[in-house]
C-alpha atoms as a PDB file:
ATOM      1  CA  MET A   1    -108.457 -13.250   2.754  1.00  0.00           C
ATOM      2  CA  LYS A   2    -111.847 -12.522   0.598  1.00  0.00           C
ATOM      3  CA  ALA A   3    -112.219 -14.538  -2.847  1.00  0.00           C
ATOM      4  CA  GLY A   4    -110.701 -12.299  -5.701  1.00  0.00           C
ATOM      5  CA  ILE A   5    -110.999 -12.258  -9.298  1.00  0.00           C
ATOM      6  CA  SER A   6    -110.299 -15.641 -11.185  1.00  0.00           C
ATOM      7  CA  GLN A   7    -107.114 -16.155 -12.687  1.00  0.00           C
ATOM      8  CA  SER A   8    -108.958 -16.918 -15.906  1.00  0.00           C
ATOM      9  CA  ASN A   9    -110.155 -13.329 -16.240  1.00  0.00           C
ATOM     10  CA  ILE A  10    -106.851 -11.609 -15.548  1.00  0.00           C
ATOM     11  CA  LEU A  11    -103.910 -10.880 -18.293  1.00  0.00           C
ATOM     12  CA  THR A  12    -100.999 -10.188 -16.915  1.00  0.00           C
ATOM     13  CA  CYS A  13     -98.360  -7.593 -18.824  1.00  0.00           C
ATOM     14  CA  VAL A  14     -94.863  -7.377 -17.959  1.00  0.00           C
ATOM     15  CA  LEU A  15     -93.793  -3.707 -19.136  1.00  0.00           C
ATOM     16  CA  ALA A  16     -90.536  -3.689 -20.600  1.00  0.00           C
ATOM     17  CA  GLY A  17     -91.496  -1.106 -23.310  1.00  0.00           C
ATOM     18  CA  GLY A  18     -89.089   1.642 -21.875  1.00  0.00           C
ATOM     19  CA  GLN A  19     -85.571   2.933 -23.582  1.00  0.00           C
ATOM     20  CA  SER A  20     -83.305   1.819 -20.417  1.00  0.00           C
ATOM     21  CA  ARG A  21     -81.673   5.205 -20.548  1.00  0.00           C
ATOM     22  CA  ARG A  22     -80.329   4.801 -16.865  1.00  0.00           C
ATOM     23  CA  MET A  23     -78.798   1.467 -17.774  1.00  0.00           C
ATOM     24  CA  GLY A  24     -77.172   2.597 -20.636  1.00  0.00           C
ATOM     25  CA  GLY A  25     -79.874   1.794 -23.283  1.00  0.00           C
ATOM     26  CA  GLY A  26     -80.723  -1.839 -24.888  1.00  0.00           C
ATOM     27  CA  ASP A  27     -83.313  -4.341 -22.888  1.00  0.00           C
ATOM     28  CA  LYS A  28     -82.870  -4.296 -18.900  1.00  0.00           C
ATOM     29  CA  THR A  29     -85.110  -7.198 -18.781  1.00  0.00           C
ATOM     30  CA  LEU A  30     -82.760  -9.301 -21.166  1.00  0.00           C
ATOM     31  CA  LEU A  31     -79.727  -8.613 -18.785  1.00  0.00           C
ATOM     32  CA  PRO A  32     -78.177 -11.498 -16.994  1.00  0.00           C
ATOM     33  CA  LEU A  33     -78.821 -12.448 -13.297  1.00  0.00           C
ATOM     34  CA  GLY A  34     -76.639 -15.529 -12.749  1.00  0.00           C
ATOM     35  CA  ALA A  35     -77.465 -17.883 -15.326  1.00  0.00           C
ATOM     36  CA  LYS A  36     -80.627 -16.412 -16.362  1.00  0.00           C
ATOM     37  CA  SER A  37     -82.207 -13.259 -17.508  1.00  0.00           C
ATOM     38  CA  MET A  38     -84.043 -10.909 -15.477  1.00  0.00           C
ATOM     39  CA  LEU A  39     -87.025 -12.026 -17.810  1.00  0.00           C
ATOM     40  CA  ASP A  40     -86.373 -15.630 -16.762  1.00  0.00           C
ATOM     41  CA  LEU A  41     -86.589 -14.706 -13.159  1.00  0.00           C
ATOM     42  CA  ILE A  42     -89.747 -12.654 -13.521  1.00  0.00           C
ATOM     43  CA  LEU A  43     -91.659 -15.310 -15.712  1.00  0.00           C
ATOM     44  CA  GLU A  44     -90.516 -18.048 -13.084  1.00  0.00           C
ATOM     45  CA  ARG A  45     -92.536 -16.087 -10.515  1.00  0.00           C
ATOM     46  CA  LEU A  46     -95.364 -15.011 -12.376  1.00  0.00           C
ATOM     47  CA  LYS A  47     -96.365 -18.383 -13.948  1.00  0.00           C
ATOM     48  CA  PRO A  48     -97.486 -20.075 -10.762  1.00  0.00           C
ATOM     49  CA  GLN A  49     -99.796 -17.234 -10.127  1.00  0.00           C
ATOM     50  CA  ALA A  50    -101.009 -15.849 -13.789  1.00  0.00           C
ATOM     51  CA  ARG A  51    -102.550 -18.039 -16.362  1.00  0.00           C
ATOM     52  CA  HIS A  52    -102.256 -15.479 -19.116  1.00  0.00           C
ATOM     53  CA  ILE A  53     -98.972 -13.340 -19.703  1.00  0.00           C
ATOM     54  CA  VAL A  54     -98.205 -10.950 -22.576  1.00  0.00           C
ATOM     55  CA  LEU A  55     -95.058  -8.658 -23.013  1.00  0.00           C
ATOM     56  CA  ASN A  56     -94.953  -4.931 -23.711  1.00  0.00           C
ATOM     57  CA  ALA A  57     -92.094  -4.086 -25.589  1.00  0.00           C
ATOM     58  CA  ASN A  58     -90.991  -1.779 -28.659  1.00  0.00           C
ATOM     59  CA  GLY A  59     -88.781  -2.243 -31.604  1.00  0.00           C
ATOM     60  CA  ASP A  60     -88.368  -5.896 -33.295  1.00  0.00           C
ATOM     61  CA  SER A  61     -90.266  -8.308 -31.241  1.00  0.00           C
ATOM     62  CA  SER A  62     -88.303 -11.378 -32.665  1.00  0.00           C
ATOM     63  CA  ARG A  63     -85.493 -10.730 -29.554  1.00  0.00           C
ATOM     64  CA  PHE A  64     -88.362 -12.392 -27.211  1.00  0.00           C
ATOM     65  CA  ALA A  65     -88.859 -15.164 -29.600  1.00  0.00           C
ATOM     66  CA  ALA A  66     -87.456 -17.606 -27.103  1.00  0.00           C
ATOM     67  CA  TYR A  67     -90.131 -16.636 -24.509  1.00  0.00           C
ATOM     68  CA  GLY A  68     -92.846 -17.722 -26.554  1.00  0.00           C
ATOM     69  CA  LEU A  69     -94.961 -14.600 -25.374  1.00  0.00           C
ATOM     70  CA  THR A  70     -97.142 -12.220 -27.226  1.00  0.00           C
ATOM     71  CA  VAL A  71     -95.355  -9.225 -27.550  1.00  0.00           C
ATOM     72  CA  LEU A  72     -97.455  -5.596 -27.600  1.00  0.00           C
ATOM     73  CA  PRO A  73     -95.726  -2.487 -28.714  1.00  0.00           C
ATOM     74  CA  ASP A  74     -97.054   0.807 -27.301  1.00  0.00           C
ATOM     75  CA  PRO A  75    -100.329   1.581 -28.954  1.00  0.00           C
ATOM     76  CA  VAL A  76     -99.922   5.171 -28.554  1.00  0.00           C
ATOM     77  CA  GLY A  77     -96.908   7.847 -28.679  1.00  0.00           C
ATOM     78  CA  GLU A  78     -93.004   6.622 -28.965  1.00  0.00           C
ATOM     79  CA  PHE A  79     -91.888   5.174 -25.493  1.00  0.00           C
ATOM     80  CA  ALA A  80     -94.654   7.111 -23.857  1.00  0.00           C
ATOM     81  CA  GLY A  81     -94.047   5.042 -20.449  1.00  0.00           C
ATOM     82  CA  PRO A  82     -95.566   2.688 -18.261  1.00  0.00           C
ATOM     83  CA  LEU A  83     -99.223   4.164 -18.785  1.00  0.00           C
ATOM     84  CA  ALA A  84     -98.546   3.098 -22.486  1.00  0.00           C
ATOM     85  CA  GLY A  85     -97.705  -0.126 -21.763  1.00  0.00           C
ATOM     86  CA  ILE A  86    -100.247  -1.053 -19.298  1.00  0.00           C
ATOM     87  CA  PHE A  87    -103.006   0.457 -22.042  1.00  0.00           C
ATOM     88  CA  ALA A  88    -101.269  -1.912 -24.422  1.00  0.00           C
ATOM     89  CA  GLY A  89    -102.557  -4.830 -21.765  1.00  0.00           C
ATOM     90  CA  LEU A  90    -105.998  -3.410 -21.601  1.00  0.00           C
ATOM     91  CA  SER A  91    -106.427  -2.917 -25.195  1.00  0.00           C
ATOM     92  CA  HIS A  92    -105.081  -6.448 -25.920  1.00  0.00           C
ATOM     93  CA  ALA A  93    -107.580  -7.592 -23.428  1.00  0.00           C
ATOM     94  CA  LYS A  94    -110.403  -5.959 -24.707  1.00  0.00           C
ATOM     95  CA  THR A  95    -109.888  -7.429 -28.340  1.00  0.00           C
ATOM     96  CA  LEU A  96    -109.868 -11.126 -26.520  1.00  0.00           C
ATOM     97  CA  GLY A  97    -113.639 -10.363 -25.662  1.00  0.00           C
ATOM     98  CA  SER A  98    -115.208 -10.776 -22.326  1.00  0.00           C
ATOM     99  CA  GLN A  99    -112.902 -13.354 -20.747  1.00  0.00           C
ATOM    100  CA  PHE A 100    -110.708 -10.546 -19.314  1.00  0.00           C
ATOM    101  CA  SER A 101    -111.697  -8.416 -16.550  1.00  0.00           C
ATOM    102  CA  HIS A 102    -108.799  -7.220 -15.636  1.00  0.00           C
ATOM    103  CA  VAL A 103    -104.885  -6.741 -16.308  1.00  0.00           C
ATOM    104  CA  VAL A 104    -102.141  -6.806 -13.872  1.00  0.00           C
ATOM    105  CA  SER A 105     -99.057  -4.927 -14.419  1.00  0.00           C
ATOM    106  CA  VAL A 106     -95.820  -6.006 -13.666  1.00  0.00           C
ATOM    107  CA  ALA A 107     -92.412  -4.198 -14.296  1.00  0.00           C
ATOM    108  CA  GLY A 108     -89.857  -5.950 -16.378  1.00  0.00           C
ATOM    109  CA  ASP A 109     -86.575  -4.901 -14.229  1.00  0.00           C
ATOM    110  CA  THR A 110     -88.145  -6.026 -10.667  1.00  0.00           C
ATOM    111  CA  PRO A 111     -87.046  -9.622 -10.481  1.00  0.00           C
ATOM    112  CA  PHE A 112     -87.888 -10.419  -6.883  1.00  0.00           C
ATOM    113  CA  PHE A 113     -91.357  -9.278  -6.936  1.00  0.00           C
ATOM    114  CA  PRO A 114     -93.740 -11.099  -4.353  1.00  0.00           C
ATOM    115  CA  LYS A 115     -94.916 -14.661  -5.223  1.00  0.00           C
ATOM    116  CA  ASP A 116     -98.396 -13.752  -3.949  1.00  0.00           C
ATOM    117  CA  LEU A 117     -98.751 -10.314  -6.091  1.00  0.00           C
ATOM    118  CA  VAL A 118    -101.693 -11.531  -8.541  1.00  0.00           C
ATOM    119  CA  GLY A 119    -103.854 -13.021  -5.861  1.00  0.00           C
ATOM    120  CA  ARG A 120    -103.524 -10.656  -3.329  1.00  0.00           C
ATOM    121  CA  LEU A 121    -103.991  -7.488  -5.824  1.00  0.00           C
ATOM    122  CA  SER A 122    -107.202  -9.305  -6.789  1.00  0.00           C
ATOM    123  CA  ALA A 123    -108.533  -9.931  -3.573  1.00  0.00           C
ATOM    124  CA  SER A 124    -108.470  -6.404  -2.653  1.00  0.00           C
ATOM    125  CA  VAL A 125    -111.039  -5.027  -4.962  1.00  0.00           C
ATOM    126  CA  PRO A 126    -114.676  -5.608  -5.277  1.00  0.00           C
ATOM    127  CA  LEU A 127    -116.154  -7.542  -8.269  1.00  0.00           C
ATOM    128  CA  ASP A 128    -119.098  -5.193  -9.017  1.00  0.00           C
ATOM    129  CA  LYS A 129    -117.354  -1.754  -9.994  1.00  0.00           C
ATOM    130  CA  PRO A 130    -113.945  -0.812 -11.490  1.00  0.00           C
ATOM    131  CA  VAL A 131    -111.294  -0.209  -8.930  1.00  0.00           C
ATOM    132  CA  ILE A 132    -107.524  -0.097  -9.120  1.00  0.00           C
ATOM    133  CA  ALA A 133    -105.372  -1.780  -6.841  1.00  0.00           C
ATOM    134  CA  LEU A 134    -101.592  -0.966  -6.707  1.00  0.00           C
ATOM    135  CA  ALA A 135     -98.567  -2.566  -4.473  1.00  0.00           C
ATOM    136  CA  SER A 136     -96.792  -0.732  -1.961  1.00  0.00           C
ATOM    137  CA  SER A 137     -93.899  -1.599   0.309  1.00  0.00           C
ATOM    138  CA  HIS A 138     -92.777   0.116   3.506  1.00  0.00           C
ATOM    139  CA  ASP A 139     -94.978   3.211   2.802  1.00  0.00           C
ATOM    140  CA  LYS A 140     -94.119   3.557  -0.898  1.00  0.00           C
ATOM    141  CA  LEU A 141     -96.376   2.980  -3.645  1.00  0.00           C
ATOM    142  CA  HIS A 142     -95.238   1.179  -6.836  1.00  0.00           C
ATOM    143  CA  PRO A 143     -97.675   2.019  -9.441  1.00  0.00           C
ATOM    144  CA  VAL A 144     -96.444  -0.189 -12.234  1.00  0.00           C
ATOM    145  CA  PHE A 145     -97.361  -3.075  -9.924  1.00  0.00           C
ATOM    146  CA  GLY A 146    -100.991  -2.640 -10.315  1.00  0.00           C
ATOM    147  CA  LEU A 147    -104.495  -4.362 -11.208  1.00  0.00           C
ATOM    148  CA  TRP A 148    -106.446  -2.439 -13.972  1.00  0.00           C
ATOM    149  CA  PRO A 149    -110.181  -3.132 -14.949  1.00  0.00           C
ATOM    150  CA  VAL A 150    -110.351  -3.656 -18.438  1.00  0.00           C
ATOM    151  CA  ALA A 151    -113.322  -1.172 -18.332  1.00  0.00           C
ATOM    152  CA  LEU A 152    -110.936   1.856 -17.962  1.00  0.00           C
ATOM    153  CA  ALA A 153    -109.291   1.172 -21.098  1.00  0.00           C
ATOM    154  CA  ASP A 154    -111.217   3.998 -23.195  1.00  0.00           C
ATOM    155  CA  ASP A 155    -110.566   6.522 -20.633  1.00  0.00           C
ATOM    156  CA  LEU A 156    -106.995   5.578 -20.210  1.00  0.00           C
ATOM    157  CA  HIS A 157    -106.926   5.850 -24.432  1.00  0.00           C
ATOM    158  CA  THR A 158    -108.423   9.178 -24.317  1.00  0.00           C
ATOM    159  CA  TRP A 159    -106.164  10.364 -21.523  1.00  0.00           C
ATOM    160  CA  LEU A 160    -103.033   9.309 -23.582  1.00  0.00           C
ATOM    161  CA  SER A 161    -104.092  10.474 -26.650  1.00  0.00           C
ATOM    162  CA  THR A 162    -104.965  14.075 -25.585  1.00  0.00           C
ATOM    163  CA  GLY A 163    -101.325  14.701 -24.137  1.00  0.00           C
ATOM    164  CA  GLN A 164    -102.306  14.234 -20.317  1.00  0.00           C
ATOM    165  CA  SER A 165     -99.623  13.183 -17.905  1.00  0.00           C
ATOM    166  CA  GLY A 166     -97.855  10.104 -18.578  1.00  0.00           C
ATOM    167  CA  LYS A 167     -97.456   9.584 -14.774  1.00  0.00           C
ATOM    168  CA  VAL A 168     -99.388   6.638 -13.212  1.00  0.00           C
ATOM    169  CA  LEU A 169    -100.646   8.152 -10.461  1.00  0.00           C
ATOM    170  CA  ALA A 170    -102.154  11.017 -12.280  1.00  0.00           C
ATOM    171  CA  PHE A 171    -104.513   8.741 -14.108  1.00  0.00           C
ATOM    172  CA  VAL A 172    -105.042   6.837 -10.887  1.00  0.00           C
ATOM    173  CA  ASP A 173    -106.542   9.839  -9.091  1.00  0.00           C
ATOM    174  CA  ARG A 174    -109.204   9.892 -11.774  1.00  0.00           C
ATOM    175  CA  HIS A 175    -110.600   6.704 -10.479  1.00  0.00           C
ATOM    176  CA  ASP A 176    -111.299   4.538  -7.326  1.00  0.00           C
ATOM    177  CA  SER A 177    -108.186   2.846  -5.894  1.00  0.00           C
ATOM    178  CA  VAL A 178    -107.045   0.886  -3.168  1.00  0.00           C
ATOM    179  CA  GLU A 179    -103.356   0.043  -1.671  1.00  0.00           C
ATOM    180  CA  VAL A 180    -102.114  -3.548  -0.939  1.00  0.00           C
ATOM    181  CA  ALA A 181     -99.174  -3.489   0.835  1.00  0.00           C
ATOM    182  CA  PHE A 182     -96.568  -5.907   0.817  1.00  0.00           C
ATOM    183  CA  ASP A 183     -94.279  -5.594   3.583  1.00  0.00           C
ATOM    184  CA  GLU A 184     -93.016  -8.863   4.501  1.00  0.00           C
ATOM    185  CA  PRO A 185     -89.100  -9.632   3.819  1.00  0.00           C
ATOM    186  CA  THR A 186     -87.813 -11.267   1.096  1.00  0.00           C
ATOM    187  CA  GLU A 187     -85.558 -14.166   0.463  1.00  0.00           C
ATOM    188  CA  THR A 188     -83.057 -11.712  -0.981  1.00  0.00           C
ATOM    189  CA  GLY A 189     -83.217  -9.233   1.857  1.00  0.00           C
ATOM    190  CA  LEU A 190     -83.995  -6.690  -0.560  1.00  0.00           C
ATOM    191  CA  ASP A 191     -87.408  -4.750  -1.184  1.00  0.00           C
ATOM    192  CA  PRO A 192     -89.799  -7.236  -3.000  1.00  0.00           C
ATOM    193  CA  PHE A 193     -89.805  -4.319  -5.553  1.00  0.00           C
ATOM    194  CA  PHE A 194     -86.541  -3.649  -5.706  1.00  0.00           C
ATOM    195  CA  ASN A 195     -85.861  -2.421  -9.374  1.00  0.00           C
ATOM    196  CA  ALA A 196     -82.551  -2.682 -11.424  1.00  0.00           C
ATOM    197  CA  ASN A 197     -82.588   0.592 -12.847  1.00  0.00           C
ATOM    198  CA  ARG A 198     -79.038   1.507 -13.111  1.00  0.00           C
ATOM    199  CA  PRO A 199     -75.783  -0.779 -13.273  1.00  0.00           C
ATOM    200  CA  ASP A 200     -75.240  -0.148  -9.609  1.00  0.00           C
ATOM    201  CA  ASP A 201     -78.600  -1.942  -8.998  1.00  0.00           C
ATOM    202  CA  LEU A 202     -77.990  -4.560 -11.338  1.00  0.00           C
ATOM    203  CA  GLU A 203     -75.006  -5.435  -9.486  1.00  0.00           C
ATOM    204  CA  LYS A 204     -76.895  -5.505  -6.168  1.00  0.00           C
ATOM    205  CA  ALA A 205     -79.551  -7.704  -7.822  1.00  0.00           C
ATOM    206  CA  ARG A 206     -76.744  -9.958  -9.057  1.00  0.00           C
ATOM    207  CA  ALA A 207     -75.302 -10.389  -5.574  1.00  0.00           C
ATOM    208  CA  ALA A 208     -78.624 -11.403  -4.058  1.00  0.00           C
ATOM    209  CA  MET A 209     -78.886 -14.054  -6.812  1.00  0.00           C
ATOM    210  CA  GLU A 210     -75.589 -15.255  -5.799  1.00  0.00           C
ATOM    211  CA  ALA A 211     -76.162 -15.470  -2.067  1.00  0.00           C
ATOM    212  CA  LEU A 212     -79.551 -17.149  -2.793  1.00  0.00           C
ATOM    213  CA  SER A 213     -77.858 -19.881  -4.687  1.00  0.00           C
ATOM    214  CA  SER A 214     -74.899 -20.327  -2.483  1.00  0.00           C
END
């Protein structure tokens, strides 16, 4: 695998800015899976592969105080979807100066994503032009798991502030992009991008955690 973008140049943003309507409201990422929250498990997977991690979430940030993360609300709109969260990460990276060239986005309700996610995404794009990398598994794209050039921050801001589609792929289609397939089986037996979106999904994730710990 070719050398990718340095970890020190990547800001990783966990997207937890939604309203979790299909889960009944609240913060999905704080729901327990065994003895830990979903966010605990996500951070355990991220920290070995990501040097700089922030959290996109709306409302009172104090509920995440125990995690010691910078919490970024959506900069545009109210609960404007994952693109707004991605823009939160890009705009924050931009304010920090030239150190950060890219942002990796990770869904806050997907606790079993690949342990080599950041490395494989960053190795898939050229260093000399802005190219988006999106994860896939079994021929299905997972556009909230992506690598986003900070150079696209202004274009995304214009896209969101002028009321364009909130669908991630609608914005991606404006730019060069690559797909990175993660088809390998996981230790849980679930798809690596299985997300706990509804109560029955949460129970399936909890059963997978119990099986891992037994």
